Amino acid sequence: MRDACQRRLLRLNKIMHYLTQKLAKIKPTSGHRVWVEFEDGFSAEVDLAPLLDEGPIFAPMSDPAIFAAVRLDWGIPVWSDDLDLSTAALRAWAEAGRVLTIEETDDWVAKHSTPDAIAV
């Protein structure tokens, strides 16, 4: 029973590594690409163009002026009152080098998370 509990805690800790990610900096570069730097110092450039095909919520990002107006709100990238991105997904995409599907993002987080200490 204790081993099963420890495995569940380990999995939760791995997931929390991604869920607690915050950005320190974000800067639009070219097209629909952004350069991001996370609070832990990890940085990468991510092409967000694939999001434009993911439904009307992302349609405003097709306007270069709106896309360039990205800002950080408590470490979360925000384009407008209605449009922001999950920093957990953005971290996974930055590490993978591309926007992933929902399933791929979940798999990435499960496979690549590195927990700190496990408190049992």
N, C-alpha and C. Protein backbone atom coordinates (compact mmCIF):
# COMPACT_ATOMS: atom_id res chain seq x y z
N MET A 1 0.82 -1.19 0.00
CA MET A 1 0.00 0.00 0.00
C MET A 1 0.87 1.26 0.00
N ARG A 2 1.93 1.24 0.81
CA ARG A 2 2.81 2.41 0.90
C ARG A 2 3.50 2.66 -0.44
N ASP A 3 3.93 1.60 -1.14
CA ASP A 3 4.57 1.76 -2.45
C ASP A 3 3.62 2.40 -3.45
N ALA A 4 2.37 1.98 -3.45
CA ALA A 4 1.38 2.55 -4.37
C ALA A 4 1.16 4.03 -4.06
N CYS A 5 1.12 4.37 -2.80
CA CYS A 5 0.95 5.76 -2.38
C CYS A 5 2.16 6.59 -2.81
N GLN A 6 3.35 6.05 -2.66
CA GLN A 6 4.56 6.77 -3.06
C GLN A 6 4.59 6.97 -4.57
N ARG A 7 4.14 5.98 -5.35
CA ARG A 7 4.09 6.13 -6.81
C ARG A 7 3.12 7.22 -7.21
N ARG A 8 1.96 7.28 -6.54
CA ARG A 8 0.99 8.33 -6.83
C ARG A 8 1.55 9.70 -6.47
N LEU A 9 2.24 9.81 -5.36
CA LEU A 9 2.86 11.07 -4.97
C LEU A 9 3.94 11.49 -5.97
N LEU A 10 4.71 10.53 -6.43
CA LEU A 10 5.76 10.82 -7.41
C LEU A 10 5.13 11.36 -8.69
N ARG A 11 4.08 10.71 -9.16
CA ARG A 11 3.39 11.17 -10.38
C ARG A 11 2.82 12.57 -10.18
N LEU A 12 2.19 12.82 -9.05
CA LEU A 12 1.64 14.15 -8.76
C LEU A 12 2.75 15.18 -8.71
N ASN A 13 3.86 14.85 -8.10
CA ASN A 13 4.99 15.76 -8.00
C ASN A 13 5.54 16.07 -9.39
N LYS A 14 5.61 15.07 -10.25
CA LYS A 14 6.07 15.29 -11.62
C LYS A 14 5.14 16.25 -12.35
N ILE A 15 3.86 16.04 -12.22
CA ILE A 15 2.90 16.90 -12.90
C ILE A 15 2.97 18.32 -12.33
N MET A 16 3.13 18.45 -11.03
CA MET A 16 3.20 19.77 -10.40
C MET A 16 4.39 20.57 -10.92
N HIS A 17 5.46 19.89 -11.31
CA HIS A 17 6.61 20.58 -11.90
C HIS A 17 6.16 21.42 -13.07
N TYR A 18 5.27 20.90 -13.90
CA TYR A 18 4.78 21.64 -15.05
C TYR A 18 3.68 22.62 -14.67
N LEU A 19 2.79 22.23 -13.80
CA LEU A 19 1.65 23.08 -13.46
C LEU A 19 2.06 24.37 -12.76
N THR A 20 3.21 24.37 -12.12
CA THR A 20 3.65 25.55 -11.38
C THR A 20 4.61 26.43 -12.17
N GLN A 21 4.81 26.13 -13.44
CA GLN A 21 5.72 26.93 -14.26
C GLN A 21 5.20 28.35 -14.42
N LYS A 22 6.10 29.30 -14.36
CA LYS A 22 5.79 30.71 -14.61
C LYS A 22 6.85 31.26 -15.56
N LEU A 23 6.42 32.19 -16.39
CA LEU A 23 7.36 32.85 -17.29
C LEU A 23 7.97 34.06 -16.61
N ALA A 24 9.25 34.28 -16.88
CA ALA A 24 9.93 35.50 -16.44
C ALA A 24 9.90 36.54 -17.56
N LYS A 25 9.95 36.05 -18.82
CA LYS A 25 9.97 36.93 -19.99
C LYS A 25 9.28 36.26 -21.17
N ILE A 26 8.67 37.07 -22.02
CA ILE A 26 8.14 36.60 -23.30
C ILE A 26 8.33 37.71 -24.31
N LYS A 27 8.74 37.33 -25.52
CA LYS A 27 8.98 38.33 -26.55
C LYS A 27 8.59 37.75 -27.91
N PRO A 28 7.67 38.42 -28.62
CA PRO A 28 7.37 37.98 -29.97
C PRO A 28 8.62 38.15 -30.84
N THR A 29 8.87 37.20 -31.72
CA THR A 29 10.03 37.31 -32.59
C THR A 29 9.54 37.52 -34.02
N SER A 30 9.38 36.49 -34.81
CA SER A 30 8.90 36.65 -36.18
C SER A 30 7.69 35.74 -36.41
N GLY A 31 6.84 36.16 -37.33
CA GLY A 31 5.64 35.36 -37.60
C GLY A 31 4.82 35.20 -36.33
N HIS A 32 4.54 33.97 -35.98
CA HIS A 32 3.79 33.67 -34.75
C HIS A 32 4.68 32.95 -33.74
N ARG A 33 5.93 33.36 -33.73
CA ARG A 33 6.91 32.78 -32.81
C ARG A 33 7.09 33.69 -31.61
N VAL A 34 7.34 33.06 -30.47
CA VAL A 34 7.67 33.80 -29.25
C VAL A 34 8.92 33.18 -28.63
N TRP A 35 9.73 34.04 -28.05
CA TRP A 35 10.85 33.58 -27.24
C TRP A 35 10.37 33.68 -25.81
N VAL A 36 10.54 32.58 -25.07
CA VAL A 36 10.09 32.55 -23.68
C VAL A 36 11.25 32.19 -22.76
N GLU A 37 11.24 32.79 -21.58
CA GLU A 37 12.18 32.41 -20.53
C GLU A 37 11.37 32.15 -19.27
N PHE A 38 11.55 30.97 -18.71
CA PHE A 38 10.84 30.59 -17.50
C PHE A 38 11.63 31.04 -16.28
N GLU A 39 10.96 31.08 -15.14
CA GLU A 39 11.60 31.55 -13.91
C GLU A 39 12.82 30.73 -13.53
N ASP A 40 12.86 29.45 -13.95
CA ASP A 40 14.02 28.62 -13.62
C ASP A 40 15.19 28.81 -14.59
N GLY A 41 15.05 29.75 -15.55
CA GLY A 41 16.12 30.05 -16.48
C GLY A 41 16.02 29.34 -17.82
N PHE A 42 15.18 28.31 -17.94
CA PHE A 42 15.02 27.62 -19.22
C PHE A 42 14.40 28.58 -20.23
N SER A 43 14.96 28.63 -21.44
CA SER A 43 14.40 29.49 -22.48
C SER A 43 14.39 28.76 -23.82
N ALA A 44 13.47 29.19 -24.67
CA ALA A 44 13.33 28.59 -26.00
C ALA A 44 12.44 29.47 -26.85
N GLU A 45 12.48 29.22 -28.14
CA GLU A 45 11.56 29.89 -29.06
C GLU A 45 10.52 28.86 -29.50
N VAL A 46 9.26 29.29 -29.54
CA VAL A 46 8.17 28.39 -29.89
C VAL A 46 7.33 29.05 -30.98
N ASP A 47 7.03 28.27 -32.02
CA ASP A 47 6.15 28.74 -33.09
C ASP A 47 4.72 28.39 -32.71
N LEU A 48 3.91 29.40 -32.45
CA LEU A 48 2.52 29.19 -32.03
C LEU A 48 1.55 29.18 -33.20
N ALA A 49 2.04 29.26 -34.44
CA ALA A 49 1.17 29.26 -35.62
C ALA A 49 0.18 28.09 -35.66
N PRO A 50 0.57 26.89 -35.23
CA PRO A 50 -0.40 25.78 -35.27
C PRO A 50 -1.66 26.05 -34.44
N LEU A 51 -1.59 26.94 -33.45
CA LEU A 51 -2.76 27.24 -32.63
C LEU A 51 -3.85 27.95 -33.44
N LEU A 52 -3.45 28.64 -34.51
CA LEU A 52 -4.43 29.38 -35.31
C LEU A 52 -5.47 28.46 -35.94
N ASP A 53 -5.15 27.19 -36.08
CA ASP A 53 -6.07 26.21 -36.65
C ASP A 53 -6.87 25.47 -35.58
N GLU A 54 -6.73 25.86 -34.33
CA GLU A 54 -7.35 25.13 -33.22
C GLU A 54 -8.65 25.75 -32.73
N GLY A 55 -9.27 26.58 -33.52
CA GLY A 55 -10.57 27.11 -33.14
C GLY A 55 -10.59 28.62 -33.01
N PRO A 56 -11.80 29.17 -32.87
CA PRO A 56 -11.96 30.62 -32.87
C PRO A 56 -11.32 31.34 -31.68
N ILE A 57 -11.07 30.65 -30.60
CA ILE A 57 -10.46 31.30 -29.44
C ILE A 57 -9.09 31.89 -29.80
N PHE A 58 -8.38 31.23 -30.73
CA PHE A 58 -7.05 31.68 -31.11
C PHE A 58 -7.05 32.62 -32.31
N ALA A 59 -8.21 32.88 -32.92
CA ALA A 59 -8.31 33.74 -34.11
C ALA A 59 -7.68 35.12 -33.92
N PRO A 60 -7.84 35.77 -32.76
CA PRO A 60 -7.22 37.10 -32.61
C PRO A 60 -5.70 37.07 -32.78
N MET A 61 -5.07 35.94 -32.53
CA MET A 61 -3.61 35.84 -32.66
C MET A 61 -3.15 35.97 -34.11
N SER A 62 -4.08 35.82 -35.07
CA SER A 62 -3.69 35.95 -36.47
C SER A 62 -3.40 37.40 -36.85
N ASP A 63 -3.89 38.34 -36.05
CA ASP A 63 -3.61 39.76 -36.26
C ASP A 63 -2.22 40.06 -35.69
N PRO A 64 -1.28 40.47 -36.55
CA PRO A 64 0.09 40.72 -36.07
C PRO A 64 0.17 41.72 -34.91
N ALA A 65 -0.69 42.74 -34.91
CA ALA A 65 -0.66 43.73 -33.84
C ALA A 65 -1.09 43.12 -32.51
N ILE A 66 -2.11 42.28 -32.54
CA ILE A 66 -2.57 41.61 -31.32
C ILE A 66 -1.51 40.62 -30.84
N PHE A 67 -0.95 39.85 -31.78
CA PHE A 67 0.07 38.88 -31.39
C PHE A 67 1.27 39.57 -30.74
N ALA A 68 1.66 40.70 -31.30
CA ALA A 68 2.83 41.43 -30.78
C ALA A 68 2.56 42.07 -29.42
N ALA A 69 1.29 42.17 -29.04
CA ALA A 69 0.93 42.82 -27.78
C ALA A 69 0.92 41.86 -26.59
N VAL A 70 1.52 40.68 -26.75
CA VAL A 70 1.56 39.72 -25.64
C VAL A 70 2.24 40.35 -24.43
N ARG A 71 1.71 40.02 -23.27
CA ARG A 71 2.30 40.52 -22.01
C ARG A 71 2.20 39.40 -20.98
N LEU A 72 2.88 39.60 -19.86
CA LEU A 72 2.81 38.63 -18.78
C LEU A 72 1.91 39.16 -17.68
N ASP A 73 1.05 38.30 -17.20
CA ASP A 73 0.19 38.61 -16.07
C ASP A 73 0.43 37.52 -15.04
N TRP A 74 1.21 37.87 -13.99
CA TRP A 74 1.59 36.89 -12.95
C TRP A 74 2.30 35.68 -13.56
N GLY A 75 3.13 35.92 -14.56
CA GLY A 75 3.91 34.84 -15.17
C GLY A 75 3.18 34.06 -16.24
N ILE A 76 1.98 34.49 -16.61
CA ILE A 76 1.17 33.80 -17.61
C ILE A 76 1.10 34.67 -18.86
N PRO A 77 1.36 34.09 -20.06
CA PRO A 77 1.27 34.90 -21.28
C PRO A 77 -0.19 35.22 -21.60
N VAL A 78 -0.46 36.52 -21.83
CA VAL A 78 -1.81 37.00 -22.07
C VAL A 78 -1.80 37.90 -23.30
N TRP A 79 -2.79 37.70 -24.17
CA TRP A 79 -2.94 38.56 -25.34
C TRP A 79 -4.12 39.51 -25.19
N SER A 80 -5.13 39.09 -24.47
CA SER A 80 -6.31 39.93 -24.24
C SER A 80 -7.02 39.36 -23.01
N ASP A 81 -8.12 39.97 -22.65
CA ASP A 81 -8.88 39.46 -21.51
C ASP A 81 -9.39 38.05 -21.74
N ASP A 82 -9.52 37.67 -23.00
CA ASP A 82 -10.09 36.36 -23.34
C ASP A 82 -9.06 35.35 -23.83
N LEU A 83 -7.81 35.74 -23.95
CA LEU A 83 -6.82 34.85 -24.56
C LEU A 83 -5.53 34.80 -23.76
N ASP A 84 -5.26 33.63 -23.21
CA ASP A 84 -3.99 33.38 -22.54
C ASP A 84 -3.59 31.94 -22.84
N LEU A 85 -2.40 31.56 -22.42
CA LEU A 85 -1.91 30.20 -22.65
C LEU A 85 -1.48 29.58 -21.33
N SER A 86 -1.67 28.29 -21.25
CA SER A 86 -1.19 27.53 -20.11
C SER A 86 0.33 27.52 -20.12
N THR A 87 0.92 27.92 -19.01
CA THR A 87 2.39 27.89 -18.95
C THR A 87 2.90 26.45 -18.90
N ALA A 88 2.10 25.54 -18.38
CA ALA A 88 2.50 24.13 -18.35
C ALA A 88 2.60 23.60 -19.78
N ALA A 89 1.59 23.88 -20.60
CA ALA A 89 1.64 23.44 -21.99
C ALA A 89 2.76 24.15 -22.74
N LEU A 90 2.92 25.45 -22.51
CA LEU A 90 3.96 26.20 -23.18
C LEU A 90 5.34 25.66 -22.83
N ARG A 91 5.55 25.25 -21.57
CA ARG A 91 6.83 24.67 -21.17
C ARG A 91 7.07 23.35 -21.92
N ALA A 92 6.05 22.51 -21.99
CA ALA A 92 6.19 21.24 -22.71
C ALA A 92 6.49 21.49 -24.18
N TRP A 93 5.79 22.44 -24.78
CA TRP A 93 6.02 22.76 -26.20
C TRP A 93 7.41 23.32 -26.41
N ALA A 94 7.87 24.17 -25.50
CA ALA A 94 9.21 24.75 -25.61
C ALA A 94 10.26 23.65 -25.54
N GLU A 95 10.06 22.70 -24.63
CA GLU A 95 11.02 21.59 -24.51
C GLU A 95 10.97 20.69 -25.73
N ALA A 96 9.77 20.45 -26.27
CA ALA A 96 9.60 19.57 -27.42
C ALA A 96 10.02 20.25 -28.73
N GLY A 97 10.02 21.59 -28.74
CA GLY A 97 10.39 22.31 -29.95
C GLY A 97 9.25 22.55 -30.91
N ARG A 98 8.02 22.27 -30.46
CA ARG A 98 6.84 22.51 -31.31
C ARG A 98 5.58 22.42 -30.46
N VAL A 99 4.50 22.98 -31.01
CA VAL A 99 3.21 22.84 -30.35
C VAL A 99 2.78 21.39 -30.47
N LEU A 100 2.39 20.79 -29.36
CA LEU A 100 1.95 19.39 -29.32
C LEU A 100 0.43 19.33 -29.23
N THR A 101 -0.14 18.20 -29.61
CA THR A 101 -1.57 17.98 -29.40
C THR A 101 -1.80 17.84 -27.89
N ILE A 102 -3.05 17.84 -27.49
CA ILE A 102 -3.38 17.67 -26.07
C ILE A 102 -2.81 16.36 -25.55
N GLU A 103 -3.00 15.30 -26.31
CA GLU A 103 -2.51 13.98 -25.89
C GLU A 103 -0.99 13.96 -25.83
N GLU A 104 -0.35 14.55 -26.84
CA GLU A 104 1.12 14.60 -26.84
C GLU A 104 1.64 15.43 -25.67
N THR A 105 0.95 16.53 -25.35
CA THR A 105 1.36 17.36 -24.22
C THR A 105 1.27 16.57 -22.93
N ASP A 106 0.15 15.88 -22.73
CA ASP A 106 0.00 15.06 -21.52
C ASP A 106 1.08 13.99 -21.44
N ASP A 107 1.36 13.33 -22.56
CA ASP A 107 2.41 12.30 -22.59
C ASP A 107 3.78 12.91 -22.30
N TRP A 108 4.03 14.10 -22.86
CA TRP A 108 5.32 14.77 -22.65
C TRP A 108 5.52 15.07 -21.16
N VAL A 109 4.48 15.64 -20.56
CA VAL A 109 4.57 15.98 -19.14
C VAL A 109 4.84 14.73 -18.31
N ALA A 110 4.12 13.65 -18.59
CA ALA A 110 4.30 12.41 -17.84
C ALA A 110 5.71 11.84 -18.01
N LYS A 111 6.25 11.95 -19.22
CA LYS A 111 7.54 11.34 -19.52
C LYS A 111 8.74 12.21 -19.11
N HIS A 112 8.61 13.53 -19.20
CA HIS A 112 9.76 14.40 -19.03
C HIS A 112 9.80 15.21 -17.75
N SER A 113 8.81 15.07 -16.92
CA SER A 113 8.82 15.81 -15.66
C SER A 113 9.93 15.28 -14.77
N THR A 114 10.51 16.19 -14.02
CA THR A 114 11.53 15.78 -13.04
C THR A 114 11.12 16.33 -11.68
N PRO A 115 10.70 15.47 -10.78
CA PRO A 115 10.25 15.97 -9.49
C PRO A 115 11.42 16.42 -8.63
N ASP A 116 11.13 17.30 -7.72
CA ASP A 116 12.13 17.68 -6.73
C ASP A 116 12.12 16.57 -5.69
N ALA A 117 11.88 16.87 -4.45
CA ALA A 117 11.82 15.86 -3.41
C ALA A 117 10.40 15.34 -3.26
N ILE A 118 10.26 14.12 -2.81
CA ILE A 118 8.95 13.53 -2.55
C ILE A 118 8.74 13.52 -1.04
N ALA A 119 7.71 14.20 -0.62
CA ALA A 119 7.38 14.21 0.83
C ALA A 119 6.33 13.16 1.09
N VAL A 120 6.66 12.18 1.89
CA VAL A 120 5.71 11.10 2.20
C VAL A 120 5.33 11.20 3.66
